[in-house]
Protein backbone atom coordinates (compact mmCIF):
# COMPACT_ATOMS: atom_id res chain seq x y z
CA UNK A 1 18.85 14.52 8.88
CA UNK A 2 17.37 15.80 5.70
CA UNK A 3 18.17 19.58 4.60
CA UNK A 4 14.98 21.43 4.43
CA UNK A 5 14.11 24.76 2.79
CA UNK A 6 11.22 26.89 4.10
CA UNK A 7 10.25 30.13 2.31
CA UNK A 8 7.24 32.34 1.59
CA UNK A 9 8.25 32.11 -1.88
CA UNK A 10 8.48 28.96 -4.21
CA UNK A 11 11.74 27.25 -4.87
CA UNK A 12 11.39 25.53 -8.11
CA UNK A 13 12.89 22.29 -7.64
CA UNK A 14 11.14 20.25 -10.56
CA UNK A 15 7.73 19.40 -11.43
CA UNK A 16 6.59 18.52 -7.90
CA UNK A 17 7.36 22.16 -6.87
CA UNK A 18 5.33 23.49 -9.69
CA UNK A 19 2.28 21.39 -8.93
CA UNK A 20 2.35 22.51 -5.28
CA UNK A 21 2.81 26.23 -5.81
CA UNK A 22 -0.81 26.91 -6.03
CA UNK A 23 -1.37 25.45 -2.83
CA UNK A 24 0.84 27.85 -0.84
CA UNK A 25 -2.14 29.93 0.08
CA UNK A 26 -3.65 27.02 2.13
CA UNK A 27 -0.65 25.15 3.66
CA UNK A 28 2.98 25.82 4.23
CA UNK A 29 5.12 23.71 1.60
CA UNK A 30 8.51 22.51 2.37
CA UNK A 31 10.82 21.01 -0.16
CA UNK A 32 13.11 18.40 1.43
CA UNK A 33 16.16 16.56 0.28
CA UNK A 34 15.85 13.42 2.32
CA UNK A 35 18.72 10.68 2.32
CA UNK A 36 16.80 8.43 0.07
CA UNK A 37 15.41 10.60 -2.91
CA UNK A 38 13.79 13.95 -3.56
CA UNK A 39 10.34 14.28 -1.88
CA UNK A 40 7.54 16.77 -1.59
CA UNK A 41 6.77 17.72 2.02
CA UNK A 42 3.40 19.50 3.06
CA UNK A 43 2.81 20.75 6.53
CA UNK A 44 -0.73 20.59 7.22
CA UNK A 45 -3.20 21.82 9.95
CA UNK A 46 -6.66 20.57 8.77
CA UNK A 47 -9.61 22.79 8.90
CA UNK A 48 -11.79 20.14 10.45
CA UNK A 49 -9.94 19.40 13.69
CA UNK A 50 -11.85 17.65 16.37
CA UNK A 51 -8.98 17.91 18.81
CA UNK A 52 -7.01 20.76 20.51
CA UNK A 53 -3.67 20.65 18.33
CA UNK A 54 -3.54 18.60 15.15
CA UNK A 55 -0.50 19.39 12.82
CA UNK A 56 0.89 16.89 10.34
CA UNK A 57 3.78 16.51 7.92
CA UNK A 58 2.98 14.66 4.75
CA UNK A 59 5.84 13.46 2.54
CA UNK A 60 5.68 11.85 -0.81
CA UNK A 61 8.95 10.64 -2.11
CA UNK A 62 9.42 11.67 -5.70
CA UNK A 63 9.66 8.25 -7.04
CA UNK A 64 6.17 7.42 -5.95
CA UNK A 65 4.13 7.87 -9.23
CA UNK A 66 0.95 6.85 -7.87
CA UNK A 67 -0.03 6.33 -4.15
CA UNK A 68 -0.87 2.78 -3.17
CA UNK A 69 -1.29 3.30 0.48
CA UNK A 70 -0.24 5.92 3.36
CA UNK A 71 1.79 5.24 6.15
CA UNK A 72 0.68 6.85 9.38
CA UNK A 73 3.18 7.50 12.21
CA UNK A 74 1.92 8.45 15.63
CA UNK A 75 4.00 9.23 18.65
CA UNK A 76 3.11 8.89 22.18
CA UNK A 77 0.78 11.37 23.90
CA UNK A 78 1.70 15.09 23.58
CA UNK A 79 4.65 14.17 21.45
CA UNK A 80 5.51 15.86 18.09
CA UNK A 81 6.11 13.04 15.54
CA UNK A 82 6.42 15.09 12.45
CA UNK A 83 10.22 14.58 11.88
CA UNK A 84 9.60 10.82 11.71
CA UNK A 85 8.26 11.53 8.01
CA UNK A 86 11.64 12.59 7.01
CA UNK A 87 13.51 9.48 8.64
CA UNK A 88 15.38 7.43 5.99
CA UNK A 89 13.92 4.06 7.23
CA UNK A 90 10.30 5.16 6.76
CA UNK A 91 10.82 6.90 3.39
CA UNK A 92 12.75 3.66 1.99
CA UNK A 93 9.49 1.89 2.94
CA UNK A 94 7.31 4.29 1.35
CA UNK A 95 9.32 4.20 -1.89
CA UNK A 96 9.32 0.27 -1.77
CA UNK A 97 5.51 0.24 -1.52
CA UNK A 98 4.59 3.26 -3.14
CA UNK A 99 3.40 5.01 -0.22
CA UNK A 100 2.61 8.50 1.21
CA UNK A 101 3.72 9.29 4.59
CA UNK A 102 1.59 11.16 7.29
CA UNK A 103 3.32 11.92 10.54
CA UNK A 104 1.40 13.35 13.53
CA UNK A 105 1.54 16.03 16.21
CA UNK A 106 -1.68 15.82 18.29
CA UNK A 107 -2.39 17.19 21.64
CA UNK A 108 -5.37 18.25 23.86
CA UNK A 109 -5.89 20.17 27.15
CA UNK A 110 -6.30 17.03 29.30
CA UNK A 111 -3.56 15.65 31.16
CA UNK A 112 -4.39 11.99 29.93
CA UNK A 113 -5.03 10.56 26.51
CA UNK A 114 -8.45 9.00 26.68
CA UNK A 115 -10.00 6.69 24.10
CA UNK A 116 -12.29 9.53 23.20
CA UNK A 117 -9.26 11.72 22.38
CA UNK A 118 -7.75 8.75 20.24
CA UNK A 119 -11.27 8.64 18.31
CA UNK A 120 -10.87 12.30 17.54
CA UNK A 121 -7.44 11.93 16.48
CA UNK A 122 -8.73 9.37 14.01
CA UNK A 123 -11.05 11.94 12.40
CA UNK A 124 -8.14 14.46 12.27
CA UNK A 125 -5.89 11.99 10.62
CA UNK A 126 -8.72 11.47 7.93
CA UNK A 127 -9.24 15.13 7.48
CA UNK A 128 -5.36 15.76 6.87
CA UNK A 129 -5.12 12.89 4.38
CA UNK A 130 -8.17 14.55 2.36
CA UNK A 131 -6.40 17.78 2.31
CA UNK A 132 -3.09 16.29 1.34
CA UNK A 133 -4.74 14.60 -1.49
CA UNK A 134 -5.66 17.80 -3.01
CA UNK A 135 -2.27 19.74 -2.19
CA UNK A 136 -0.08 17.03 -3.59
CA UNK A 137 -2.38 16.77 -6.73
CA UNK A 138 -2.82 12.91 -6.11
CA UNK A 139 -6.48 12.52 -5.46
CA UNK A 140 -5.86 8.45 -4.99
CA UNK A 141 -4.48 9.43 -1.48
CA UNK A 142 -8.01 10.29 -0.32
CA UNK A 143 -9.27 6.72 -0.49
CA UNK A 144 -6.00 4.78 -0.22
CA UNK A 145 -5.45 2.06 2.47
CA UNK A 146 -3.59 2.99 5.76
CA UNK A 147 -0.84 1.29 7.62
CA UNK A 148 -0.17 2.48 11.36
CA UNK A 149 3.01 2.56 13.31
CA UNK A 150 2.69 4.30 16.78
CA UNK A 151 4.06 4.05 20.33
CA UNK A 152 1.97 4.45 23.57
CA UNK A 153 -0.93 6.76 22.60
CA UNK A 154 -0.19 6.13 18.97
CA UNK A 155 -0.61 2.56 19.55
CA UNK A 156 -4.04 3.47 21.01
CA UNK A 157 -4.93 5.64 17.84
CA UNK A 158 -3.91 2.74 15.74
CA UNK A 159 -6.18 0.30 17.28
CA UNK A 160 -9.15 2.43 17.62
CA UNK A 161 -8.95 3.70 14.15
CA UNK A 162 -8.82 0.01 12.77
CA UNK A 163 -11.75 -0.73 15.18
CA UNK A 164 -13.74 2.01 13.53
CA UNK A 165 -12.46 1.66 10.02
CA UNK A 166 -11.26 -2.04 9.59
CA UNK A 167 -11.77 -1.95 5.77
CA UNK A 168 -9.57 1.03 5.24
CA UNK A 169 -6.44 -0.30 7.30
CA UNK A 170 -3.93 -2.65 5.64
CA UNK A 171 -1.95 -3.20 8.73
CA UNK A 172 -1.65 -1.82 12.32
CA UNK A 173 0.56 -1.67 15.54
CA UNK A 174 -0.53 -1.76 19.09
CA UNK A 175 2.39 -0.48 21.07
CA UNK A 176 2.31 -0.27 24.96
CA UNK A 177 -0.79 1.86 24.92
CA UNK A 178 -3.09 1.82 28.07
CA UNK A 179 -6.43 2.84 27.03
CA UNK A 180 -8.64 1.23 24.27
CA UNK A 181 -12.25 1.71 23.06
CA UNK A 182 -14.59 -0.76 24.29
CA UNK A 183 -16.67 -3.30 22.30
CA UNK A 184 -15.62 -6.39 20.54
CA UNK A 185 -13.80 -6.18 17.21
CA UNK A 186 -15.85 -6.82 14.06
CA UNK A 187 -15.08 -9.83 11.88
CA UNK A 188 -13.60 -7.47 9.56
CA UNK A 189 -11.12 -6.13 12.16
CA UNK A 190 -10.13 -9.57 12.75
CA UNK A 191 -8.96 -9.99 9.15
CA UNK A 192 -6.58 -6.93 9.54
CA UNK A 193 -3.17 -8.06 10.22
CA UNK A 194 -1.79 -6.55 13.52
CA UNK A 195 1.27 -6.57 15.78
CA UNK A 196 0.94 -5.97 19.57
CA UNK A 197 4.01 -4.83 21.60
CA UNK A 198 4.09 -5.50 25.43
CA UNK A 199 6.86 -4.40 27.79
CA UNK A 200 7.13 -6.96 30.45
CA UNK A 201 8.03 -4.18 33.01
CA UNK A 202 5.34 -1.79 31.83
CA UNK A 203 2.41 -0.61 34.09
CA UNK A 204 0.04 -3.47 35.08
CA UNK A 205 -2.72 -1.53 33.36
CA UNK A 206 -1.09 -1.60 30.08
CA UNK A 207 -0.02 -5.05 30.34
CA UNK A 208 -3.44 -6.27 31.29
CA UNK A 209 -5.34 -4.39 28.71
CA UNK A 210 -3.22 -5.26 25.78
CA UNK A 211 -3.25 -9.02 26.88
CA UNK A 212 -6.92 -8.98 27.17
CA UNK A 213 -7.45 -7.31 23.81
CA UNK A 214 -4.78 -9.48 22.03
CA UNK A 215 -6.03 -12.81 23.52
CA UNK A 216 -9.51 -11.91 22.84
CA UNK A 217 -8.96 -11.46 19.12
CA UNK A 218 -6.78 -14.55 18.76
CA UNK A 219 -9.35 -16.78 20.37
CA UNK A 220 -11.37 -15.68 17.48
CA UNK A 221 -8.97 -16.27 14.85
CA UNK A 222 -7.71 -12.84 14.38
CA UNK A 223 -4.37 -12.58 12.23
CA UNK A 224 -2.51 -10.81 14.96
CA UNK A 225 1.05 -11.23 16.43
CA UNK A 226 2.16 -10.56 19.91
CA UNK A 227 5.70 -9.56 20.78
CA UNK A 228 6.65 -9.58 24.51
CA UNK A 229 9.77 -7.52 25.32
CA UNK A 230 11.07 -9.23 28.44
CA UNK A 231 13.26 -6.38 29.83
CA UNK A 232 11.31 -3.49 28.49
CA UNK A 233 9.21 -1.14 30.19
CA UNK A 234 7.14 1.66 28.21
CA UNK A 235 10.01 2.46 25.89
CA UNK A 236 9.95 2.15 22.31
CA UNK A 237 12.19 -0.88 22.48
CA UNK A 238 12.08 -3.24 19.32
CA UNK A 239 8.71 -1.61 18.09
CA UNK A 240 10.31 0.19 15.23
CA UNK A 241 12.48 -2.47 14.17
CA UNK A 242 10.11 -5.29 14.28
CA UNK A 243 7.09 -3.13 13.51
CA UNK A 244 9.04 -2.00 10.38
CA UNK A 245 9.38 -5.74 9.17
CA UNK A 246 5.97 -6.42 9.89
CA UNK A 247 4.67 -3.56 7.87
CA UNK A 248 6.91 -4.32 5.08
CA UNK A 249 5.56 -8.02 4.88
CA UNK A 250 1.89 -7.08 5.47
CA UNK A 251 1.78 -4.19 2.80
CA UNK A 252 3.40 -6.78 0.19
CA UNK A 253 0.76 -9.24 0.96
CA UNK A 254 -2.27 -6.91 1.46
CA UNK A 255 -2.04 -4.21 -1.28
CA UNK A 256 -3.37 -5.43 -4.62
CA UNK A 257 -0.85 -5.90 -7.55
CA UNK A 258 2.29 -7.08 -5.59
CA UNK A 259 5.30 -4.99 -4.16
CA UNK A 260 6.53 -2.41 -6.57
CA UNK A 261 10.21 -1.80 -7.01
CA UNK A 262 12.92 -4.66 -6.44
CA UNK A 263 15.26 -2.28 -4.48
CA UNK A 264 16.20 -2.52 -0.89
CA UNK A 265 14.11 -0.91 1.75
CA UNK A 266 16.76 -1.72 4.50
CA UNK A 267 18.82 1.18 5.51
CA UNK A 268 22.66 1.15 5.14
CA UNK A 269 24.28 -0.32 8.01
CA UNK A 270 24.76 2.01 10.95
CA UNK A 271 22.12 4.34 9.87
CA UNK A 272 19.62 3.32 12.32
CA UNK A 273 18.59 0.48 14.65
CA UNK A 274 16.96 -1.32 11.64
CA UNK A 275 20.17 -2.12 9.90
CA UNK A 276 20.62 -5.66 11.26
CA UNK A 277 16.93 -6.59 10.06
CA UNK A 278 16.88 -8.62 6.77
CA UNK A 279 15.36 -6.84 3.66
CA UNK A 280 12.38 -8.63 2.25
CA UNK A 281 11.90 -8.41 -1.41
CA UNK A 282 8.70 -9.87 -2.42
CA UNK A 283 8.29 -9.40 -6.02
CA UNK A 284 8.59 -7.12 -8.89
CA UNK A 285 6.42 -4.10 -9.84
CA UNK A 286 2.95 -5.05 -10.33
CA UNK A 287 -0.34 -2.93 -11.30
CA UNK A 288 -0.89 0.32 -9.38
CA UNK A 289 -4.03 0.50 -7.43
CA UNK A 290 -5.70 3.53 -6.01
CA UNK A 291 -8.02 6.43 -7.15
CA UNK A 292 -11.49 4.65 -6.65
CA UNK A 293 -13.80 4.82 -3.82
CA UNK A 294 -12.38 2.04 -1.93
CA UNK A 295 -9.24 -0.39 -2.58
CA UNK A 296 -10.02 -3.85 -1.92
CA UNK A 297 -7.23 -5.42 0.28
CA UNK A 298 -6.17 -8.93 0.01
CA UNK A 299 -7.19 -11.11 2.75
CA UNK A 300 -4.78 -13.32 4.51
CA UNK A 301 -6.31 -16.73 5.57
CA UNK A 302 -5.17 -17.87 9.11
CA UNK A 303 -4.34 -21.34 7.56
CA UNK A 304 -1.93 -19.97 5.01
CA UNK A 305 0.45 -18.27 7.74
CA UNK A 306 2.36 -19.67 10.54
CA UNK A 307 1.47 -20.10 14.34
CA UNK A 308 4.20 -19.23 16.94
CA UNK A 309 4.20 -20.60 20.51
CA UNK A 310 4.37 -17.63 22.83
CA UNK A 311 6.05 -19.55 25.52
CA UNK A 312 8.79 -21.54 23.25
CA UNK A 313 9.04 -19.66 20.27
CA UNK A 314 8.50 -22.75 18.22
CA UNK A 315 6.70 -22.13 15.00
CA UNK A 316 4.56 -24.45 13.14
CA UNK A 317 2.39 -24.09 9.67
CA UNK A 318 -1.17 -22.62 10.13
CA UNK A 319 -2.55 -25.26 8.00
CA UNK A 320 -1.72 -27.73 10.83
CA UNK A 321 -4.33 -26.16 13.06
CA UNK A 322 -4.01 -26.33 16.75
CA UNK A 323 -4.99 -24.00 19.49
CA UNK A 324 -5.06 -20.26 19.18
CA UNK A 325 -4.54 -19.84 22.69
CA UNK A 326 -0.89 -18.59 23.70
CA UNK A 327 -0.14 -18.13 20.11
CA UNK A 328 0.92 -15.51 17.54
CA UNK A 329 -0.16 -15.59 13.94
CA UNK A 330 2.83 -14.81 11.56
CA UNK A 331 2.33 -13.94 8.09
CA UNK A 332 5.09 -15.69 6.36
CA UNK A 333 8.19 -17.77 6.99
CA UNK A 334 10.57 -14.99 6.95
CA UNK A 335 8.67 -12.90 9.63
CA UNK A 336 8.04 -16.22 11.60
CA UNK A 337 11.75 -16.71 11.64
CA UNK A 338 12.49 -13.25 13.16
CA UNK A 339 9.66 -13.62 15.64
CA UNK A 340 10.84 -17.06 16.62
CA UNK A 341 14.59 -15.83 17.04
CA UNK A 342 13.43 -12.85 19.25
CA UNK A 343 11.08 -14.94 21.35
CA UNK A 344 13.94 -17.55 21.96
CA UNK A 345 16.62 -15.04 23.11
């Protein structure tokens, strides 16, 4: 775990501390020493908070000079996911793709997590990102593309946010959640790569809801992938490991200018469940985007990916065409191989 220092005074740890000092009257600022590199860390409770409790930890690795996207990490209902922002795995992904990290703790008074709560969570996330852009002195963060990983209610937040703001999302995960907003996804949402995780032993409501949403999108040509965990109920399962690789590939393909940095984003062996997953280096440093009112994300044509048979795990090039029913869309050969190996186990 990282070593963090919290103090009402300012610890002078380089230029990033100096830039953040003026913001101490607005938010608590922590200076962390993560396992990857130095990082600026901000604790934010946004002023515009359309939910009972909304607290966020925002981390910006020191090697990120200009932010190209925001990785949003959302736990299950009533969970506090802020410590995820300091995990080595996610910080390595942020360094590789030049991302800021926003990890969430959101709760309400209700005993359930309804679709309306999830919608309000999206508003709170946007409010926190706006404040983080000011505190960090990185204005490009406010309008940067978002990539979501979440579990249970966190998956619901990811889906519902993408439904409302498809042009803002680079990629998303739908991970074993039960309740989703009604309405058919727009054509813009169908172009956003998504990965859906389903535990075969989970509740019938969750299995049916995720299956119906996923199959409806795939029939319309959505660039979406389904992972069925045969012996998993509602637990996280492989969703972090495969979600990490999915986001790594999707960000490389979707963000303009290629993948910055040639270093590994895979944690050292034994550091986490991700250690047995391959590192995917997809290119050298390209031009940095961001700062404008909207970053145009690259489209991923269905024919340019691969099609995986959900029953057999067999994979064929998307250019070959064929039925969309009972298939996953896989965005490149590396991820198609990993998906196929998992399905065939």
